[in-house]
Amino acid sequence: MQHLKQFARIQDMPLSQSSFDEIQHFPECGGIGIFVGTVRNHHEGKAVQSLKYTAYAPVAEKMIRQIEQEIQQQYGVSYVRVIHRIGDLAIGETAIIAMAYAPHRREAFQACEVAVERVKHEVPVWKEEFYCDGSSQYVEGCCIRKDHPPVEANTHTDCCNHSHAGENAYQWPL
């Protein structure tokens, strides 16, 4: 059994891929799936200046670790880890990193994508966007589920009006 790095899944410092265990510790794996999400300068036609993530860290940590375990079992991958940043983030800063190691690329990509989607929709992490016009609002990320056809409209309600099976009871602050 390899010795895995211990690290917080919710971090208030800049995120780094060096937090993750190295692929060399998983010789059965030939595929790595990586997703790095950064802060972009726009959302729904508004110019974004910065954003702030907040979380209830004890619950968020536990939930992310549970999601990782479930995905490892579901997809038969050797390694899945996700870290999410909290605090004030500027444009271009990294907000989330997910990494999966699997025997083949397909499982690595799938596990990585599912990990990001589940963390975004199940874990109590809230995003407040601050706009260049001086306003701000809490926003909800939209998933990229393949089982729901895309909608032309630009709003979250319109692009994500399907149900998220298994979503928890956490609601976005108003």
N, C-alpha and C. Protein backbone atom coordinates (compact mmCIF):
# COMPACT_ATOMS: atom_id res chain seq x y z
N MET A 1 0.84 -1.19 0.00
CA MET A 1 0.00 0.00 0.00
C MET A 1 0.88 1.25 0.00
N GLN A 2 0.63 2.15 -0.92
CA GLN A 2 1.43 3.35 -1.01
C GLN A 2 1.04 4.34 0.10
N HIS A 3 1.98 5.20 0.44
CA HIS A 3 1.72 6.23 1.44
C HIS A 3 1.22 7.47 0.71
N LEU A 4 -0.03 7.81 0.95
CA LEU A 4 -0.64 8.94 0.26
C LEU A 4 -0.44 10.22 1.04
N LYS A 5 -0.28 11.31 0.31
CA LYS A 5 -0.16 12.62 0.94
C LYS A 5 -1.46 12.99 1.64
N GLN A 6 -1.33 13.61 2.77
CA GLN A 6 -2.49 14.13 3.49
C GLN A 6 -2.57 15.63 3.22
N PHE A 7 -3.71 16.10 2.75
CA PHE A 7 -3.87 17.52 2.51
C PHE A 7 -5.34 17.90 2.62
N ALA A 8 -5.58 19.17 2.91
CA ALA A 8 -6.94 19.67 3.02
C ALA A 8 -7.56 19.78 1.64
N ARG A 9 -8.82 19.41 1.53
CA ARG A 9 -9.54 19.54 0.27
C ARG A 9 -10.06 20.96 0.10
N ILE A 10 -10.23 21.68 1.18
CA ILE A 10 -10.64 23.09 1.17
C ILE A 10 -9.43 23.89 1.66
N GLN A 11 -8.93 24.77 0.79
CA GLN A 11 -7.71 25.51 1.12
C GLN A 11 -7.90 27.01 0.89
N ASP A 12 -7.28 27.80 1.76
CA ASP A 12 -7.38 29.25 1.62
C ASP A 12 -6.10 29.87 1.05
N MET A 13 -5.22 29.03 0.55
CA MET A 13 -3.98 29.48 -0.09
C MET A 13 -4.03 29.08 -1.57
N PRO A 14 -3.18 29.67 -2.41
CA PRO A 14 -3.17 29.28 -3.83
C PRO A 14 -3.00 27.76 -3.99
N LEU A 15 -3.74 27.20 -4.93
CA LEU A 15 -3.73 25.76 -5.16
C LEU A 15 -2.58 25.36 -6.08
N SER A 16 -2.11 24.13 -5.89
CA SER A 16 -1.00 23.63 -6.69
C SER A 16 -1.19 22.14 -6.96
N GLN A 17 -0.81 21.73 -8.16
CA GLN A 17 -0.87 20.31 -8.49
C GLN A 17 0.15 19.51 -7.67
N SER A 18 1.11 20.18 -7.06
CA SER A 18 2.09 19.47 -6.23
C SER A 18 1.46 18.91 -4.96
N SER A 19 0.24 19.33 -4.62
CA SER A 19 -0.47 18.76 -3.47
C SER A 19 -0.82 17.30 -3.70
N PHE A 20 -0.99 16.91 -4.94
CA PHE A 20 -1.46 15.57 -5.28
C PHE A 20 -0.31 14.57 -5.26
N ASP A 21 -0.67 13.30 -5.04
CA ASP A 21 0.32 12.23 -5.12
C ASP A 21 0.78 12.08 -6.57
N GLU A 22 2.00 11.64 -6.74
CA GLU A 22 2.57 11.50 -8.08
C GLU A 22 2.13 10.19 -8.71
N ILE A 23 1.98 10.20 -10.01
CA ILE A 23 1.54 9.02 -10.77
C ILE A 23 2.49 7.84 -10.57
N GLN A 24 3.75 8.09 -10.27
CA GLN A 24 4.72 7.01 -10.08
C GLN A 24 4.32 6.07 -8.95
N HIS A 25 3.49 6.54 -8.02
CA HIS A 25 3.03 5.72 -6.91
C HIS A 25 1.90 4.78 -7.34
N PHE A 26 1.47 4.88 -8.59
CA PHE A 26 0.36 4.08 -9.12
C PHE A 26 0.79 3.43 -10.44
N PRO A 27 1.67 2.43 -10.36
CA PRO A 27 2.23 1.83 -11.58
C PRO A 27 1.19 1.14 -12.46
N GLU A 28 0.03 0.84 -11.93
CA GLU A 28 -1.03 0.22 -12.73
C GLU A 28 -1.76 1.24 -13.60
N CYS A 29 -1.46 2.51 -13.42
CA CYS A 29 -2.19 3.57 -14.12
C CYS A 29 -1.40 4.12 -15.30
N GLY A 30 -2.09 4.28 -16.41
CA GLY A 30 -1.49 4.85 -17.60
C GLY A 30 -2.19 6.12 -18.05
N GLY A 31 -3.28 6.49 -17.35
CA GLY A 31 -4.04 7.69 -17.71
C GLY A 31 -4.18 8.63 -16.55
N ILE A 32 -4.03 9.92 -16.85
CA ILE A 32 -4.23 10.97 -15.84
C ILE A 32 -5.27 11.92 -16.40
N GLY A 33 -6.32 12.16 -15.60
CA GLY A 33 -7.31 13.17 -15.94
C GLY A 33 -7.12 14.34 -14.99
N ILE A 34 -6.97 15.53 -15.55
CA ILE A 34 -6.76 16.72 -14.72
C ILE A 34 -7.72 17.81 -15.17
N PHE A 35 -8.35 18.46 -14.20
CA PHE A 35 -9.14 19.65 -14.49
C PHE A 35 -8.66 20.76 -13.58
N VAL A 36 -8.38 21.92 -14.16
CA VAL A 36 -8.00 23.10 -13.40
C VAL A 36 -8.98 24.19 -13.78
N GLY A 37 -9.74 24.66 -12.80
CA GLY A 37 -10.70 25.73 -13.03
C GLY A 37 -10.17 27.04 -12.49
N THR A 38 -10.20 28.07 -13.33
CA THR A 38 -9.69 29.39 -12.94
C THR A 38 -10.80 30.43 -12.98
N VAL A 39 -10.54 31.56 -12.37
CA VAL A 39 -11.50 32.66 -12.33
C VAL A 39 -11.44 33.39 -13.67
N ARG A 40 -12.60 33.49 -14.33
CA ARG A 40 -12.66 34.21 -15.61
C ARG A 40 -13.20 35.62 -15.38
N ASN A 41 -13.06 36.46 -16.38
CA ASN A 41 -13.39 37.88 -16.23
C ASN A 41 -14.82 38.25 -16.65
N HIS A 42 -15.68 37.25 -16.83
CA HIS A 42 -17.06 37.55 -17.23
C HIS A 42 -18.01 36.46 -16.76
N HIS A 43 -19.26 36.82 -16.61
CA HIS A 43 -20.32 35.85 -16.29
C HIS A 43 -21.64 36.44 -16.72
N GLU A 44 -22.34 35.71 -17.60
CA GLU A 44 -23.65 36.13 -18.09
C GLU A 44 -23.67 37.59 -18.54
N GLY A 45 -22.66 37.97 -19.31
CA GLY A 45 -22.60 39.31 -19.89
C GLY A 45 -22.10 40.40 -18.98
N LYS A 46 -21.74 40.07 -17.75
CA LYS A 46 -21.23 41.08 -16.82
C LYS A 46 -19.72 40.91 -16.66
N ALA A 47 -19.03 42.03 -16.55
CA ALA A 47 -17.58 42.01 -16.35
C ALA A 47 -17.28 41.70 -14.89
N VAL A 48 -16.54 40.63 -14.66
CA VAL A 48 -16.21 40.19 -13.30
C VAL A 48 -14.86 40.77 -12.91
N GLN A 49 -14.81 41.36 -11.73
CA GLN A 49 -13.57 41.93 -11.19
C GLN A 49 -12.82 40.91 -10.34
N SER A 50 -13.57 40.16 -9.51
CA SER A 50 -12.99 39.15 -8.63
C SER A 50 -14.13 38.30 -8.08
N LEU A 51 -13.77 37.30 -7.31
CA LEU A 51 -14.82 36.56 -6.62
C LEU A 51 -14.32 36.04 -5.29
N LYS A 52 -15.27 35.59 -4.51
CA LYS A 52 -14.95 35.08 -3.18
C LYS A 52 -15.70 33.77 -2.97
N TYR A 53 -14.95 32.73 -2.58
CA TYR A 53 -15.54 31.46 -2.22
C TYR A 53 -15.56 31.34 -0.71
N THR A 54 -16.68 30.87 -0.20
CA THR A 54 -16.78 30.56 1.22
C THR A 54 -17.30 29.14 1.34
N ALA A 55 -17.01 28.51 2.47
CA ALA A 55 -17.44 27.13 2.67
C ALA A 55 -17.53 26.84 4.16
N TYR A 56 -18.34 25.87 4.49
CA TYR A 56 -18.32 25.30 5.82
C TYR A 56 -17.33 24.14 5.74
N ALA A 57 -16.08 24.44 6.04
CA ALA A 57 -14.97 23.52 5.77
C ALA A 57 -15.12 22.12 6.37
N PRO A 58 -15.55 21.96 7.62
CA PRO A 58 -15.65 20.59 8.15
C PRO A 58 -16.58 19.69 7.33
N VAL A 59 -17.71 20.21 6.93
CA VAL A 59 -18.64 19.42 6.12
C VAL A 59 -18.12 19.28 4.70
N ALA A 60 -17.61 20.35 4.12
CA ALA A 60 -17.09 20.31 2.75
C ALA A 60 -15.96 19.29 2.62
N GLU A 61 -15.04 19.28 3.57
CA GLU A 61 -13.93 18.31 3.56
C GLU A 61 -14.47 16.89 3.56
N LYS A 62 -15.37 16.61 4.47
CA LYS A 62 -15.93 15.27 4.59
C LYS A 62 -16.65 14.85 3.31
N MET A 63 -17.41 15.77 2.73
CA MET A 63 -18.17 15.46 1.53
C MET A 63 -17.26 15.22 0.33
N ILE A 64 -16.21 16.01 0.18
CA ILE A 64 -15.29 15.82 -0.94
C ILE A 64 -14.60 14.46 -0.82
N ARG A 65 -14.16 14.11 0.37
CA ARG A 65 -13.50 12.82 0.57
C ARG A 65 -14.46 11.66 0.26
N GLN A 66 -15.73 11.81 0.64
CA GLN A 66 -16.73 10.78 0.34
C GLN A 66 -16.96 10.67 -1.16
N ILE A 67 -17.05 11.80 -1.84
CA ILE A 67 -17.21 11.81 -3.30
C ILE A 67 -16.03 11.10 -3.95
N GLU A 68 -14.82 11.41 -3.50
CA GLU A 68 -13.62 10.77 -4.06
C GLU A 68 -13.70 9.25 -3.92
N GLN A 69 -14.07 8.77 -2.74
CA GLN A 69 -14.16 7.32 -2.50
C GLN A 69 -15.22 6.68 -3.40
N GLU A 70 -16.37 7.33 -3.52
CA GLU A 70 -17.45 6.78 -4.34
C GLU A 70 -17.05 6.70 -5.82
N ILE A 71 -16.36 7.73 -6.29
CA ILE A 71 -15.92 7.75 -7.70
C ILE A 71 -14.86 6.69 -7.94
N GLN A 72 -13.93 6.53 -7.01
CA GLN A 72 -12.92 5.47 -7.16
C GLN A 72 -13.59 4.12 -7.34
N GLN A 73 -14.59 3.84 -6.53
CA GLN A 73 -15.30 2.56 -6.63
C GLN A 73 -16.12 2.48 -7.91
N GLN A 74 -16.87 3.53 -8.21
CA GLN A 74 -17.77 3.52 -9.36
C GLN A 74 -17.02 3.36 -10.68
N TYR A 75 -15.89 4.03 -10.83
CA TYR A 75 -15.16 4.03 -12.10
C TYR A 75 -13.94 3.11 -12.10
N GLY A 76 -13.66 2.46 -10.97
CA GLY A 76 -12.53 1.55 -10.91
C GLY A 76 -11.19 2.24 -11.11
N VAL A 77 -11.08 3.47 -10.62
CA VAL A 77 -9.82 4.21 -10.76
C VAL A 77 -9.02 4.10 -9.46
N SER A 78 -7.74 4.27 -9.57
CA SER A 78 -6.86 4.12 -8.41
C SER A 78 -6.79 5.36 -7.53
N TYR A 79 -7.07 6.53 -8.13
CA TYR A 79 -6.82 7.77 -7.40
C TYR A 79 -7.74 8.86 -7.93
N VAL A 80 -8.44 9.52 -7.05
CA VAL A 80 -9.24 10.71 -7.38
C VAL A 80 -9.10 11.67 -6.21
N ARG A 81 -8.70 12.89 -6.50
CA ARG A 81 -8.59 13.91 -5.46
C ARG A 81 -9.06 15.24 -6.04
N VAL A 82 -9.68 16.04 -5.15
CA VAL A 82 -10.16 17.37 -5.53
C VAL A 82 -9.77 18.34 -4.43
N ILE A 83 -9.26 19.50 -4.83
CA ILE A 83 -9.04 20.59 -3.88
C ILE A 83 -9.76 21.82 -4.40
N HIS A 84 -10.35 22.57 -3.47
CA HIS A 84 -11.13 23.76 -3.82
C HIS A 84 -10.63 24.92 -2.97
N ARG A 85 -10.46 26.03 -3.60
CA ARG A 85 -9.96 27.24 -2.94
C ARG A 85 -11.12 27.99 -2.32
N ILE A 86 -10.88 28.60 -1.17
CA ILE A 86 -11.81 29.55 -0.57
C ILE A 86 -11.07 30.86 -0.34
N GLY A 87 -11.84 31.92 -0.15
CA GLY A 87 -11.26 33.24 0.05
C GLY A 87 -11.44 34.10 -1.18
N ASP A 88 -10.73 35.23 -1.21
CA ASP A 88 -10.80 36.17 -2.31
C ASP A 88 -9.87 35.72 -3.44
N LEU A 89 -10.41 35.66 -4.66
CA LEU A 89 -9.63 35.23 -5.82
C LEU A 89 -9.71 36.28 -6.91
N ALA A 90 -8.57 36.54 -7.53
CA ALA A 90 -8.50 37.48 -8.64
C ALA A 90 -8.68 36.73 -9.96
N ILE A 91 -8.91 37.48 -11.01
CA ILE A 91 -9.03 36.89 -12.35
C ILE A 91 -7.76 36.08 -12.64
N GLY A 92 -7.95 34.86 -13.14
CA GLY A 92 -6.82 34.01 -13.49
C GLY A 92 -6.36 33.08 -12.38
N GLU A 93 -6.79 33.31 -11.14
CA GLU A 93 -6.37 32.42 -10.06
C GLU A 93 -7.11 31.10 -10.14
N THR A 94 -6.47 30.06 -9.64
CA THR A 94 -7.06 28.72 -9.66
C THR A 94 -8.05 28.56 -8.52
N ALA A 95 -9.27 28.10 -8.88
CA ALA A 95 -10.34 27.91 -7.91
C ALA A 95 -10.52 26.45 -7.52
N ILE A 96 -10.24 25.53 -8.44
CA ILE A 96 -10.44 24.10 -8.18
C ILE A 96 -9.48 23.30 -9.05
N ILE A 97 -8.98 22.21 -8.47
CA ILE A 97 -8.19 21.25 -9.22
C ILE A 97 -8.72 19.85 -8.89
N ALA A 98 -8.95 19.07 -9.92
CA ALA A 98 -9.34 17.67 -9.75
C ALA A 98 -8.36 16.82 -10.54
N MET A 99 -7.99 15.68 -9.95
CA MET A 99 -7.05 14.79 -10.63
C MET A 99 -7.48 13.35 -10.41
N ALA A 100 -7.42 12.55 -11.47
CA ALA A 100 -7.75 11.14 -11.39
C ALA A 100 -6.70 10.33 -12.14
N TYR A 101 -6.29 9.20 -11.54
CA TYR A 101 -5.36 8.27 -12.16
C TYR A 101 -6.10 6.96 -12.40
N ALA A 102 -5.97 6.43 -13.60
CA ALA A 102 -6.67 5.20 -13.95
C ALA A 102 -5.81 4.39 -14.93
N PRO A 103 -6.14 3.11 -15.08
CA PRO A 103 -5.40 2.30 -16.05
C PRO A 103 -5.46 2.87 -17.47
N HIS A 104 -6.60 3.49 -17.83
CA HIS A 104 -6.78 4.02 -19.18
C HIS A 104 -7.34 5.44 -19.12
N ARG A 105 -7.18 6.18 -20.21
CA ARG A 105 -7.59 7.59 -20.24
C ARG A 105 -9.09 7.78 -20.06
N ARG A 106 -9.90 6.89 -20.66
CA ARG A 106 -11.34 7.07 -20.59
C ARG A 106 -11.83 7.14 -19.13
N GLU A 107 -11.39 6.19 -18.31
CA GLU A 107 -11.80 6.18 -16.91
C GLU A 107 -11.24 7.39 -16.16
N ALA A 108 -10.02 7.78 -16.50
CA ALA A 108 -9.42 8.95 -15.83
C ALA A 108 -10.21 10.21 -16.15
N PHE A 109 -10.56 10.40 -17.44
CA PHE A 109 -11.35 11.58 -17.83
C PHE A 109 -12.72 11.56 -17.17
N GLN A 110 -13.39 10.41 -17.22
CA GLN A 110 -14.73 10.30 -16.65
C GLN A 110 -14.71 10.58 -15.15
N ALA A 111 -13.79 9.97 -14.45
CA ALA A 111 -13.71 10.16 -13.00
C ALA A 111 -13.43 11.62 -12.65
N CYS A 112 -12.56 12.25 -13.40
CA CYS A 112 -12.23 13.65 -13.15
C CYS A 112 -13.46 14.53 -13.39
N GLU A 113 -14.16 14.32 -14.50
CA GLU A 113 -15.34 15.12 -14.80
C GLU A 113 -16.43 14.94 -13.76
N VAL A 114 -16.69 13.71 -13.38
CA VAL A 114 -17.74 13.46 -12.39
C VAL A 114 -17.35 14.07 -11.05
N ALA A 115 -16.09 14.00 -10.69
CA ALA A 115 -15.64 14.58 -9.43
C ALA A 115 -15.91 16.09 -9.40
N VAL A 116 -15.57 16.78 -10.48
CA VAL A 116 -15.81 18.22 -10.53
C VAL A 116 -17.30 18.52 -10.46
N GLU A 117 -18.11 17.83 -11.24
CA GLU A 117 -19.55 18.06 -11.25
C GLU A 117 -20.16 17.84 -9.87
N ARG A 118 -19.77 16.75 -9.23
CA ARG A 118 -20.35 16.45 -7.92
C ARG A 118 -19.91 17.46 -6.87
N VAL A 119 -18.65 17.85 -6.88
CA VAL A 119 -18.19 18.85 -5.91
C VAL A 119 -18.93 20.16 -6.14
N LYS A 120 -19.05 20.58 -7.39
CA LYS A 120 -19.73 21.84 -7.70
C LYS A 120 -21.20 21.84 -7.27
N HIS A 121 -21.86 20.69 -7.34
CA HIS A 121 -23.30 20.65 -7.08
C HIS A 121 -23.70 20.07 -5.73
N GLU A 122 -22.78 19.44 -5.02
CA GLU A 122 -23.15 18.80 -3.76
C GLU A 122 -22.48 19.38 -2.53
N VAL A 123 -21.32 19.96 -2.70
CA VAL A 123 -20.52 20.40 -1.55
C VAL A 123 -20.86 21.85 -1.19
N PRO A 124 -21.00 22.15 0.10
CA PRO A 124 -21.35 23.50 0.53
C PRO A 124 -20.20 24.50 0.38
N VAL A 125 -19.96 24.89 -0.88
CA VAL A 125 -19.01 25.95 -1.22
C VAL A 125 -19.81 26.98 -2.00
N TRP A 126 -19.74 28.24 -1.57
CA TRP A 126 -20.54 29.29 -2.20
C TRP A 126 -19.63 30.29 -2.89
N LYS A 127 -20.08 30.75 -4.07
CA LYS A 127 -19.29 31.68 -4.88
C LYS A 127 -20.03 33.01 -4.97
N GLU A 128 -19.34 34.08 -4.57
CA GLU A 128 -19.87 35.43 -4.73
C GLU A 128 -19.00 36.14 -5.76
N GLU A 129 -19.65 36.66 -6.80
CA GLU A 129 -18.93 37.39 -7.83
C GLU A 129 -19.03 38.89 -7.58
N PHE A 130 -17.92 39.57 -7.79
CA PHE A 130 -17.86 41.02 -7.66
C PHE A 130 -17.63 41.58 -9.05
N TYR A 131 -18.52 42.47 -9.48
CA TYR A 131 -18.51 42.97 -10.85
C TYR A 131 -17.84 44.33 -10.94
N CYS A 132 -17.39 44.65 -12.13
CA CYS A 132 -16.70 45.92 -12.37
C CYS A 132 -17.61 47.12 -12.16
N ASP A 133 -18.93 46.93 -12.21
CA ASP A 133 -19.85 48.04 -11.98
C ASP A 133 -20.11 48.30 -10.49
N GLY A 134 -19.43 47.55 -9.61
CA GLY A 134 -19.57 47.75 -8.17
C GLY A 134 -20.59 46.83 -7.52
N SER A 135 -21.37 46.10 -8.29
CA SER A 135 -22.36 45.19 -7.73
C SER A 135 -21.73 43.82 -7.48
N SER A 136 -22.46 42.97 -6.77
CA SER A 136 -22.02 41.60 -6.53
C SER A 136 -23.24 40.72 -6.37
N GLN A 137 -23.03 39.41 -6.55
CA GLN A 137 -24.11 38.46 -6.30
C GLN A 137 -23.53 37.07 -6.11
N TYR A 138 -24.27 36.25 -5.36
CA TYR A 138 -23.93 34.84 -5.25
C TYR A 138 -24.43 34.16 -6.51
N VAL A 139 -23.61 33.27 -7.06
CA VAL A 139 -23.99 32.59 -8.29
C VAL A 139 -23.80 31.09 -8.12
N GLU A 140 -24.53 30.36 -8.93
CA GLU A 140 -24.48 28.91 -8.91
C GLU A 140 -23.88 28.44 -10.22
N GLY A 141 -22.93 27.54 -10.16
CA GLY A 141 -22.32 27.02 -11.37
C GLY A 141 -23.28 26.10 -12.10
N CYS A 142 -23.16 26.05 -13.41
CA CYS A 142 -24.01 25.18 -14.21
C CYS A 142 -23.20 23.96 -14.64
N CYS A 143 -23.81 22.81 -14.50
CA CYS A 143 -23.11 21.60 -14.87
C CYS A 143 -23.12 21.42 -16.39
N ILE A 144 -22.34 20.47 -16.82
CA ILE A 144 -22.26 20.19 -18.25
C ILE A 144 -22.78 18.79 -18.52
N ARG A 145 -23.88 18.46 -17.87
CA ARG A 145 -24.46 17.12 -18.01
C ARG A 145 -24.79 16.82 -19.46
N LYS A 146 -24.48 15.59 -19.86
CA LYS A 146 -24.73 15.17 -21.23
C LYS A 146 -26.15 14.66 -21.42
N ASP A 147 -26.88 14.43 -20.32
CA ASP A 147 -28.22 13.89 -20.44
C ASP A 147 -29.28 14.98 -20.52
N HIS A 148 -28.85 16.23 -20.70
CA HIS A 148 -29.79 17.34 -20.82
C HIS A 148 -29.38 18.18 -22.01
N PRO A 149 -30.29 18.43 -22.93
CA PRO A 149 -29.92 19.19 -24.13
C PRO A 149 -29.56 20.63 -23.78
N PRO A 150 -28.62 21.21 -24.50
CA PRO A 150 -28.26 22.61 -24.23
C PRO A 150 -29.43 23.53 -24.58
N VAL A 151 -29.48 24.64 -23.87
CA VAL A 151 -30.53 25.63 -24.08
C VAL A 151 -29.87 26.90 -24.57
N GLU A 152 -30.52 27.60 -25.46
CA GLU A 152 -29.94 28.81 -26.06
C GLU A 152 -29.71 29.92 -25.04
N ALA A 153 -30.60 30.07 -24.08
CA ALA A 153 -30.53 31.20 -23.15
C ALA A 153 -29.26 31.17 -22.32
N ASN A 154 -28.94 32.31 -21.76
CA ASN A 154 -27.69 32.52 -21.06
C ASN A 154 -27.78 32.44 -19.54
N THR A 155 -28.93 32.23 -18.98
CA THR A 155 -29.05 32.28 -17.53
C THR A 155 -28.91 30.88 -16.94
N HIS A 156 -28.49 30.83 -15.68
CA HIS A 156 -28.32 29.54 -15.03
C HIS A 156 -29.65 28.80 -14.95
N THR A 157 -30.70 29.49 -14.63
CA THR A 157 -32.00 28.83 -14.52
C THR A 157 -32.35 28.17 -15.84
N ASP A 158 -32.09 28.84 -16.94
CA ASP A 158 -32.42 28.27 -18.24
C ASP A 158 -31.48 27.14 -18.64
N CYS A 159 -30.19 27.27 -18.34
CA CYS A 159 -29.25 26.25 -18.81
C CYS A 159 -29.21 25.06 -17.88
N CYS A 160 -29.78 25.18 -16.74
CA CYS A 160 -29.65 24.10 -15.77
C CYS A 160 -30.99 23.85 -15.10
N ASN A 161 -32.05 23.70 -15.89
CA ASN A 161 -33.37 23.52 -15.30
C ASN A 161 -33.72 22.06 -15.11
N HIS A 162 -32.74 21.17 -15.23
CA HIS A 162 -32.96 19.76 -14.96
C HIS A 162 -32.69 19.48 -13.49
N SER A 163 -33.10 18.32 -13.03
CA SER A 163 -32.84 17.98 -11.64
C SER A 163 -31.45 17.38 -11.51
N HIS A 164 -30.86 17.55 -10.38
CA HIS A 164 -29.56 16.96 -10.08
C HIS A 164 -29.80 15.84 -9.08
N ALA A 165 -29.94 14.64 -9.58
CA ALA A 165 -30.20 13.50 -8.71
C ALA A 165 -29.12 13.41 -7.65
N GLY A 166 -29.55 13.24 -6.43
CA GLY A 166 -28.61 13.09 -5.33
C GLY A 166 -28.10 14.41 -4.77
N GLU A 167 -28.61 15.53 -5.24
CA GLU A 167 -28.14 16.80 -4.68
C GLU A 167 -28.53 16.90 -3.22
N ASN A 168 -27.72 17.57 -2.46
CA ASN A 168 -28.02 17.71 -1.04
C ASN A 168 -28.93 18.90 -0.79
N ALA A 169 -29.17 19.17 0.46
CA ALA A 169 -30.13 20.22 0.81
C ALA A 169 -29.50 21.59 0.92
N TYR A 170 -28.21 21.73 0.66
CA TYR A 170 -27.57 23.04 0.76
C TYR A 170 -28.09 23.94 -0.32
N GLN A 171 -28.46 25.13 0.04
CA GLN A 171 -28.98 26.12 -0.90
C GLN A 171 -28.02 27.30 -0.96
N TRP A 172 -28.01 27.95 -2.09
CA TRP A 172 -27.16 29.12 -2.25
C TRP A 172 -27.75 30.26 -1.43
N PRO A 173 -26.91 31.05 -0.76
CA PRO A 173 -27.41 32.19 0.01
C PRO A 173 -28.04 33.21 -0.94
N LEU A 174 -29.02 33.91 -0.44
CA LEU A 174 -29.66 34.96 -1.25
C LEU A 174 -29.09 36.31 -0.90
